[in-house]
C-alpha atoms as a PDB file:
ATOM      1  CA  MET A   1      54.583 -19.892  -4.537  1.00  0.00           C
ATOM      2  CA  LYS A   2      51.412 -18.930  -5.959  1.00  0.00           C
ATOM      3  CA  THR A   3      49.047 -17.032  -4.197  1.00  0.00           C
ATOM      4  CA  ASN A   4      45.556 -17.544  -4.344  1.00  0.00           C
ATOM      5  CA  THR A   5      43.576 -13.889  -4.290  1.00  0.00           C
ATOM      6  CA  ALA A   6      40.085 -15.509  -4.985  1.00  0.00           C
ATOM      7  CA  ILE A   7      37.823 -15.228  -1.955  1.00  0.00           C
ATOM      8  CA  PRO A   8      36.971 -18.900  -1.233  1.00  0.00           C
ATOM      9  CA  SER A   9      33.300 -19.756  -1.540  1.00  0.00           C
ATOM     10  CA  ASP A  10      31.406 -21.318   1.172  1.00  0.00           C
ATOM     11  CA  SER A  11      31.333 -24.463  -0.296  1.00  0.00           C
ATOM     12  CA  ASP A  12      35.362 -24.541  -0.650  1.00  0.00           C
ATOM     13  CA  LEU A  13      35.518 -23.503   3.240  1.00  0.00           C
ATOM     14  CA  VAL A  14      33.084 -26.529   4.068  1.00  0.00           C
ATOM     15  CA  GLN A  15      35.190 -28.624   2.494  1.00  0.00           C
ATOM     16  CA  GLU A  16      38.186 -27.693   3.931  1.00  0.00           C
ATOM     17  CA  TYR A  17      37.106 -27.534   7.136  1.00  0.00           C
ATOM     18  CA  LEU A  18      35.966 -31.287   6.293  1.00  0.00           C
ATOM     19  CA  SER A  19      39.425 -31.796   5.368  1.00  0.00           C
ATOM     20  CA  GLY A  20      40.704 -30.874   8.926  1.00  0.00           C
ATOM     21  CA  SER A  21      41.015 -26.883   8.667  1.00  0.00           C
ATOM     22  CA  GLU A  22      39.538 -25.118  11.967  1.00  0.00           C
ATOM     23  CA  ILE A  23      40.614 -21.768  10.233  1.00  0.00           C
ATOM     24  CA  ALA A  24      37.938 -22.614   7.492  1.00  0.00           C
ATOM     25  CA  LEU A  25      35.381 -22.907   9.786  1.00  0.00           C
ATOM     26  CA  GLU A  26      36.202 -19.623  11.567  1.00  0.00           C
ATOM     27  CA  LYS A  27      36.386 -18.188   8.278  1.00  0.00           C
ATOM     28  CA  LEU A  28      32.838 -19.083   7.746  1.00  0.00           C
ATOM     29  CA  ILE A  29      31.628 -17.951  11.036  1.00  0.00           C
ATOM     30  CA  ASN A  30      33.220 -14.603  10.682  1.00  0.00           C
ATOM     31  CA  LYS A  31      31.844 -14.411   6.832  1.00  0.00           C
ATOM     32  CA  HIS A  32      28.021 -14.867   7.998  1.00  0.00           C
ATOM     33  CA  GLN A  33      28.274 -13.855  11.975  1.00  0.00           C
ATOM     34  CA  ALA A  34      26.829 -10.525  11.652  1.00  0.00           C
ATOM     35  CA  ARG A  35      23.826 -11.638   9.328  1.00  0.00           C
ATOM     36  CA  ILE A  36      22.945 -14.668  11.514  1.00  0.00           C
ATOM     37  CA  PHE A  37      23.390 -12.855  14.748  1.00  0.00           C
ATOM     38  CA  ASN A  38      21.209  -9.800  13.651  1.00  0.00           C
ATOM     39  CA  PHE A  39      18.615 -12.078  12.266  1.00  0.00           C
ATOM     40  CA  ILE A  40      18.258 -13.930  16.013  1.00  0.00           C
ATOM     41  CA  ASN A  41      18.710 -10.832  17.764  1.00  0.00           C
ATOM     42  CA  SER A  42      15.549  -9.223  15.767  1.00  0.00           C
ATOM     43  CA  LYS A  43      13.739 -12.329  16.957  1.00  0.00           C
ATOM     44  CA  VAL A  44      14.396 -12.639  20.494  1.00  0.00           C
ATOM     45  CA  GLN A  45      14.943  -9.003  21.268  1.00  0.00           C
ATOM     46  CA  ASP A  46      17.855  -9.574  23.991  1.00  0.00           C
ATOM     47  CA  ARG A  47      21.440  -9.579  23.111  1.00  0.00           C
ATOM     48  CA  ASP A  48      22.530 -12.111  25.745  1.00  0.00           C
ATOM     49  CA  THR A  49      19.772 -14.624  24.405  1.00  0.00           C
ATOM     50  CA  ALA A  50      20.611 -13.862  21.067  1.00  0.00           C
ATOM     51  CA  GLU A  51      24.434 -14.945  21.555  1.00  0.00           C
ATOM     52  CA  ASP A  52      23.329 -18.197  23.503  1.00  0.00           C
ATOM     53  CA  ILE A  53      21.455 -18.978  20.162  1.00  0.00           C
ATOM     54  CA  PHE A  54      24.026 -18.095  17.913  1.00  0.00           C
ATOM     55  CA  GLN A  55      26.552 -20.197  19.621  1.00  0.00           C
ATOM     56  CA  ASP A  56      24.286 -23.100  19.754  1.00  0.00           C
ATOM     57  CA  THR A  57      23.483 -22.390  15.769  1.00  0.00           C
ATOM     58  CA  PHE A  58      27.018 -23.172  15.084  1.00  0.00           C
ATOM     59  CA  ILE A  59      27.366 -26.301  17.595  1.00  0.00           C
ATOM     60  CA  LYS A  60      24.765 -27.523  15.406  1.00  0.00           C
ATOM     61  CA  VAL A  61      26.258 -26.543  12.076  1.00  0.00           C
ATOM     62  CA  ILE A  62      29.663 -28.210  13.517  1.00  0.00           C
ATOM     63  CA  ARG A  63      28.048 -31.537  14.494  1.00  0.00           C
ATOM     64  CA  THR A  64      25.906 -31.754  11.301  1.00  0.00           C
ATOM     65  CA  LEU A  65      29.050 -30.913   9.220  1.00  0.00           C
ATOM     66  CA  LYS A  66      31.246 -33.663  11.070  1.00  0.00           C
ATOM     67  CA  GLY A  67      28.198 -35.924  11.322  1.00  0.00           C
ATOM     68  CA  GLY A  68      28.654 -36.005   7.271  1.00  0.00           C
ATOM     69  CA  GLN A  69      24.906 -34.932   7.022  1.00  0.00           C
ATOM     70  CA  TYR A  70      25.439 -31.768   5.264  1.00  0.00           C
ATOM     71  CA  ASN A  71      24.870 -31.903   1.534  1.00  0.00           C
ATOM     72  CA  GLU A  72      25.454 -29.397  -0.901  1.00  0.00           C
ATOM     73  CA  GLU A  73      22.049 -29.140  -2.624  1.00  0.00           C
ATOM     74  CA  GLY A  74      21.180 -25.619  -1.268  1.00  0.00           C
ATOM     75  CA  LYS A  75      23.450 -22.671  -0.327  1.00  0.00           C
ATOM     76  CA  PHE A  76      25.279 -22.771   3.078  1.00  0.00           C
ATOM     77  CA  LEU A  77      23.879 -19.437   4.326  1.00  0.00           C
ATOM     78  CA  PRO A  78      20.186 -20.533   3.595  1.00  0.00           C
ATOM     79  CA  TRP A  79      20.579 -23.350   5.646  1.00  0.00           C
ATOM     80  CA  ILE A  80      22.381 -21.841   8.878  1.00  0.00           C
ATOM     81  CA  MET A  81      19.384 -19.405   8.719  1.00  0.00           C
ATOM     82  CA  ARG A  82      16.951 -22.394   8.693  1.00  0.00           C
ATOM     83  CA  ILE A  83      18.976 -23.841  11.587  1.00  0.00           C
ATOM     84  CA  ALA A  84      18.811 -20.419  13.439  1.00  0.00           C
ATOM     85  CA  HIS A  85      15.252 -19.862  12.755  1.00  0.00           C
ATOM     86  CA  ASN A  86      14.558 -23.540  14.217  1.00  0.00           C
ATOM     87  CA  LEU A  87      16.418 -22.720  17.379  1.00  0.00           C
ATOM     88  CA  VAL A  88      14.628 -19.265  17.990  1.00  0.00           C
ATOM     89  CA  ILE A  89      11.469 -21.339  17.694  1.00  0.00           C
ATOM     90  CA  ASP A  90      12.717 -23.764  20.144  1.00  0.00           C
ATOM     91  CA  PHE A  91      13.823 -20.925  22.350  1.00  0.00           C
ATOM     92  CA  PHE A  92      10.064 -19.559  22.118  1.00  0.00           C
ATOM     93  CA  ARG A  93       8.579 -23.114  22.768  1.00  0.00           C
ATOM     94  CA  LYS A  94      10.424 -23.850  25.983  1.00  0.00           C
ATOM     95  CA  ASN A  95       9.607 -20.125  27.512  1.00  0.00           C
ATOM     96  CA  ASN A  96       5.936 -20.582  26.630  1.00  0.00           C
ATOM     97  CA  ARG A  97       6.125 -17.405  24.153  1.00  0.00           C
ATOM     98  CA  MET A  98       5.461 -19.135  21.026  1.00  0.00           C
ATOM     99  CA  PRO A  99       2.408 -17.426  19.510  1.00  0.00           C
ATOM    100  CA  LYS A 100      -0.263 -20.470  19.337  1.00  0.00           C
ATOM    101  CA  VAL A 101      -1.830 -21.188  16.048  1.00  0.00           C
ATOM    102  CA  LYS A 102      -5.403 -20.633  16.768  1.00  0.00           C
ATOM    103  CA  ASN A 103      -8.388 -21.273  13.909  1.00  0.00           C
ATOM    104  CA  THR A 104     -11.073 -19.316  15.193  1.00  0.00           C
ATOM    105  CA  GLU A 105     -11.681 -18.356  11.370  1.00  0.00           C
ATOM    106  CA  GLU A 106     -10.626 -20.317   8.128  1.00  0.00           C
ATOM    107  CA  PHE A 107      -7.832 -17.925   7.201  1.00  0.00           C
ATOM    108  CA  ASP A 108      -5.913 -17.800  10.450  1.00  0.00           C
ATOM    109  CA  ILE A 109      -3.337 -20.664   9.399  1.00  0.00           C
ATOM    110  CA  PHE A 110      -2.498 -18.536   6.527  1.00  0.00           C
ATOM    111  CA  ARG A 111      -2.137 -15.035   7.875  1.00  0.00           C
ATOM    112  CA  PHE A 112       1.582 -15.335   8.347  1.00  0.00           C
ATOM    113  CA  ILE A 113       1.798 -15.239   4.201  1.00  0.00           C
ATOM    114  CA  SER A 114       1.082 -11.574   3.991  1.00  0.00           C
ATOM    115  CA  ASP A 115       3.872  -9.494   5.657  1.00  0.00           C
ATOM    116  CA  ASN A 116       5.323  -6.377   4.306  1.00  0.00           C
ATOM    117  CA  SER A 117       8.641  -6.428   5.622  1.00  0.00           C
ATOM    118  CA  PRO A 118      11.537  -6.817   2.548  1.00  0.00           C
ATOM    119  CA  ASN A 119      13.957  -8.539   4.619  1.00  0.00           C
ATOM    120  CA  ALA A 120      15.930 -11.513   2.850  1.00  0.00           C
ATOM    121  CA  GLU A 121      16.065 -13.842   5.797  1.00  0.00           C
ATOM    122  CA  HIS A 122      12.183 -13.459   6.548  1.00  0.00           C
ATOM    123  CA  SER A 123      11.321 -14.073   3.117  1.00  0.00           C
ATOM    124  CA  MET A 124      13.738 -17.299   2.659  1.00  0.00           C
ATOM    125  CA  VAL A 125      12.126 -18.707   6.118  1.00  0.00           C
ATOM    126  CA  GLN A 126       8.531 -17.575   4.645  1.00  0.00           C
ATOM    127  CA  ASP A 127       9.252 -19.111   1.251  1.00  0.00           C
ATOM    128  CA  GLN A 128      10.317 -22.368   3.037  1.00  0.00           C
ATOM    129  CA  VAL A 129       7.082 -22.168   5.221  1.00  0.00           C
ATOM    130  CA  VAL A 130       4.933 -21.813   2.290  1.00  0.00           C
ATOM    131  CA  LYS A 131       6.164 -24.629   0.589  1.00  0.00           C
ATOM    132  CA  ASP A 132       5.923 -26.843   3.830  1.00  0.00           C
ATOM    133  CA  LEU A 133       2.463 -25.698   3.889  1.00  0.00           C
ATOM    134  CA  GLN A 134       1.991 -26.722  -0.168  1.00  0.00           C
ATOM    135  CA  LYS A 135       3.062 -30.105   0.661  1.00  0.00           C
ATOM    136  CA  LEU A 136       0.701 -30.263   3.651  1.00  0.00           C
ATOM    137  CA  ILE A 137      -2.045 -29.503   1.588  1.00  0.00           C
ATOM    138  CA  GLN A 138      -1.264 -32.384  -1.102  1.00  0.00           C
ATOM    139  CA  GLU A 139      -1.844 -34.935   2.008  1.00  0.00           C
ATOM    140  CA  LEU A 140      -5.364 -33.904   2.534  1.00  0.00           C
ATOM    141  CA  PRO A 141      -7.880 -36.071   0.973  1.00  0.00           C
ATOM    142  CA  GLU A 142      -9.097 -34.887  -2.434  1.00  0.00           C
ATOM    143  CA  ASP A 143     -12.266 -33.223  -1.709  1.00  0.00           C
ATOM    144  CA  GLN A 144     -10.997 -31.402   1.108  1.00  0.00           C
ATOM    145  CA  LYS A 145      -7.807 -30.504  -0.824  1.00  0.00           C
ATOM    146  CA  GLN A 146     -10.102 -29.369  -3.497  1.00  0.00           C
ATOM    147  CA  VAL A 147     -12.323 -26.972  -1.704  1.00  0.00           C
ATOM    148  CA  LEU A 148      -9.334 -25.519   0.061  1.00  0.00           C
ATOM    149  CA  ILE A 149      -7.377 -24.624  -3.190  1.00  0.00           C
ATOM    150  CA  MET A 150     -10.636 -23.237  -4.676  1.00  0.00           C
ATOM    151  CA  ARG A 151     -11.429 -21.180  -1.570  1.00  0.00           C
ATOM    152  CA  LEU A 152      -7.745 -20.076  -0.463  1.00  0.00           C
ATOM    153  CA  TYR A 153      -5.832 -19.930  -3.895  1.00  0.00           C
ATOM    154  CA  ARG A 154      -8.478 -19.088  -6.368  1.00  0.00           C
ATOM    155  CA  ASP A 155     -10.745 -16.912  -3.955  1.00  0.00           C
ATOM    156  CA  MET A 156     -13.949 -18.677  -4.714  1.00  0.00           C
ATOM    157  CA  SER A 157     -17.159 -18.208  -2.870  1.00  0.00           C
ATOM    158  CA  PHE A 158     -18.588 -21.087  -1.201  1.00  0.00           C
ATOM    159  CA  LYS A 159     -21.546 -20.805  -3.849  1.00  0.00           C
ATOM    160  CA  GLU A 160     -19.046 -21.100  -6.755  1.00  0.00           C
ATOM    161  CA  ILE A 161     -17.160 -23.986  -4.799  1.00  0.00           C
ATOM    162  CA  ALA A 162     -20.597 -26.115  -4.337  1.00  0.00           C
ATOM    163  CA  GLU A 163     -21.515 -25.251  -8.008  1.00  0.00           C
ATOM    164  CA  ASN A 164     -18.106 -26.488  -9.520  1.00  0.00           C
ATOM    165  CA  THR A 165     -18.086 -29.707  -7.457  1.00  0.00           C
ATOM    166  CA  ASN A 166     -21.697 -30.606  -7.554  1.00  0.00           C
ATOM    167  CA  VAL A 167     -22.556 -30.496  -3.812  1.00  0.00           C
ATOM    168  CA  SER A 168     -24.521 -28.330  -1.335  1.00  0.00           C
ATOM    169  CA  ILE A 169     -23.206 -25.151   0.122  1.00  0.00           C
ATOM    170  CA  ASN A 170     -23.403 -26.848   3.430  1.00  0.00           C
ATOM    171  CA  THR A 171     -21.322 -29.877   2.005  1.00  0.00           C
ATOM    172  CA  ALA A 172     -18.798 -27.389   0.625  1.00  0.00           C
ATOM    173  CA  LEU A 173     -18.132 -25.668   4.268  1.00  0.00           C
ATOM    174  CA  GLY A 174     -18.088 -29.240   5.985  1.00  0.00           C
ATOM    175  CA  ARG A 175     -15.037 -29.863   3.490  1.00  0.00           C
ATOM    176  CA  MET A 176     -13.589 -26.800   4.220  1.00  0.00           C
ATOM    177  CA  ARG A 177     -14.012 -27.172   8.008  1.00  0.00           C
ATOM    178  CA  TYR A 178     -12.444 -30.599   7.987  1.00  0.00           C
ATOM    179  CA  ALA A 179      -9.699 -29.481   5.677  1.00  0.00           C
ATOM    180  CA  ILE A 180      -8.818 -26.958   8.284  1.00  0.00           C
ATOM    181  CA  ILE A 181      -8.897 -29.512  11.041  1.00  0.00           C
ATOM    182  CA  ASN A 182      -6.823 -32.068   9.099  1.00  0.00           C
ATOM    183  CA  LEU A 183      -4.223 -29.528   8.245  1.00  0.00           C
ATOM    184  CA  ARG A 184      -3.774 -28.275  11.593  1.00  0.00           C
ATOM    185  CA  LYS A 185      -3.159 -31.912  12.762  1.00  0.00           C
ATOM    186  CA  LEU A 186      -0.650 -32.098   9.834  1.00  0.00           C
ATOM    187  CA  ILE A 187       0.915 -28.806  10.836  1.00  0.00           C
ATOM    188  CA  ASP A 188       1.324 -30.403  14.551  1.00  0.00           C
ATOM    189  CA  GLU A 189       2.726 -33.690  13.486  1.00  0.00           C
ATOM    190  CA  ASN A 190       5.267 -31.824  11.089  1.00  0.00           C
ATOM    191  CA  GLN A 191       6.069 -29.434  13.691  1.00  0.00           C
ATOM    192  CA  ILE A 192       5.780 -26.402  11.144  1.00  0.00           C
ATOM    193  CA  VAL A 193       5.605 -23.016  13.186  1.00  0.00           C
ATOM    194  CA  LEU A 194       3.716 -20.841  10.798  1.00  0.00           C
ATOM    195  CA  THR A 195       5.276 -17.727  12.429  1.00  0.00           C
ATOM    196  CA  VAL A 196       8.437 -15.651  11.182  1.00  0.00           C
END
């Protein structure tokens, strides 16, 4: 009988679990338990709540795996972290503790981008939020998208934007205002949360 000393990858364990091995699932949970629990606990700051969300995370993982909806396009851990992050958001929403996105200034919805904590999970979730946001910006009308990109990504003044687009400063300001309003609607419709 040959012994396999190689540590099975997440992908191998998922396949084993789907083939009927409950032990494979136990190994997956044990492998990532501390990291996922600490991530949840760092957000909710309550051990009992964190344990509940941790359990819910793996219930969702099991349902998704058993439902055949998991595809191996990404890594297993980032996928679980995304589920955990979404459940944390749901918890805050249910308890009305979710900070609302208020757009009193043009940059409010982009403030989440600048955060100095060098946390791997945080960075991963933040990258996803940035990607989600960039996709939504592409859905804006062309004139609004143009002003938004010039202002936020190229750091151009409204005077420069007006000159570059051959419109008045007031028109450039108006387009920016509508871009923010429409972006806010898209964020709500797509249920993207800009807090990490």
